[in-house]
């Protein structure tokens, strides 16, 4: 599961980098830049969710080991 979440985090980070290249910093809310901003926000949320999931699994393993 750790490898799977790592791959997903890397994919989300790659999407963030790709969407940053699509931004027009002079008009960030026009055309493709708006879509890129939404993509950056969505990928950032995905990274946060995956990191929270990984931490919760680590806590679950520690609680399971203590029994």
Protein backbone atom coordinates (compact mmCIF):
# COMPACT_ATOMS: atom_id res chain seq x y z
CA UNK A 1 0.00 0.00 0.00
CA UNK A 2 2.92 2.33 0.71
CA UNK A 3 4.26 1.93 -2.83
CA UNK A 4 0.80 2.54 -4.30
CA UNK A 5 0.28 5.77 -2.34
CA UNK A 6 3.80 6.90 -3.21
CA UNK A 7 3.08 6.43 -6.90
CA UNK A 8 -0.18 8.36 -6.59
CA UNK A 9 1.55 11.21 -4.75
CA UNK A 10 4.19 11.38 -7.48
CA UNK A 11 1.49 11.45 -10.16
CA UNK A 12 -0.33 14.25 -8.34
CA UNK A 13 2.90 16.23 -8.03
CA UNK A 14 3.54 15.71 -11.74
CA UNK A 15 0.06 17.06 -12.46
CA UNK A 16 0.79 20.11 -10.32
CA UNK A 17 4.00 20.78 -12.26
CA UNK A 18 2.23 20.28 -15.59
CA UNK A 19 -0.60 22.63 -14.62
CA UNK A 20 1.86 25.28 -13.47
CA UNK A 21 3.34 25.24 -16.97
CA UNK A 22 -0.14 25.88 -18.37
CA UNK A 23 -0.72 29.01 -16.26
CA UNK A 24 -0.72 32.45 -17.80
CA UNK A 25 0.44 34.60 -14.90
CA UNK A 26 -0.84 37.79 -16.52
CA UNK A 27 -4.41 36.44 -16.76
CA UNK A 28 -4.64 33.58 -14.25
CA UNK A 29 -8.44 33.26 -14.42
CA UNK A 30 -8.89 33.38 -18.20
CA UNK A 31 -9.16 30.36 -20.52
CA UNK A 32 -6.81 27.46 -19.87
CA UNK A 33 -5.29 29.19 -16.85
CA UNK A 34 -8.54 28.79 -14.94
CA UNK A 35 -8.57 25.09 -15.72
CA UNK A 36 -4.92 24.86 -14.67
CA UNK A 37 -5.70 26.54 -11.33
CA UNK A 38 -8.50 24.06 -10.70
CA UNK A 39 -6.16 21.21 -11.62
CA UNK A 40 -3.49 22.49 -9.25
CA UNK A 41 -6.00 22.77 -6.41
CA UNK A 42 -7.39 19.29 -7.09
CA UNK A 43 -3.93 17.70 -7.24
CA UNK A 44 -2.92 19.48 -4.03
CA UNK A 45 -6.03 18.11 -2.31
CA UNK A 46 -5.19 14.63 -3.59
CA UNK A 47 -1.68 14.88 -2.14
CA UNK A 48 -3.07 15.95 1.23
CA UNK A 49 -5.62 13.14 1.29
CA UNK A 50 -2.99 10.55 0.39
CA UNK A 51 -0.62 11.81 3.07
CA UNK A 52 -3.40 11.72 5.67
CA UNK A 53 -4.22 8.17 4.55
CA UNK A 54 -0.59 7.11 4.90
CA UNK A 55 -0.36 8.62 8.39
CA UNK A 56 -3.60 6.90 9.44
CA UNK A 57 -2.24 3.56 8.24
CA UNK A 58 0.96 4.13 10.21
CA UNK A 59 -1.09 4.88 13.35
CA UNK A 60 -3.20 1.78 12.74
CA UNK A 61 -0.07 -0.37 12.48
CA UNK A 62 1.31 1.03 15.74
CA UNK A 63 -1.97 0.38 17.54
CA UNK A 64 -2.09 -3.13 16.11
CA UNK A 65 1.49 -3.85 17.24
CA UNK A 66 0.75 -2.79 20.82
CA UNK A 67 -1.90 -5.47 21.27
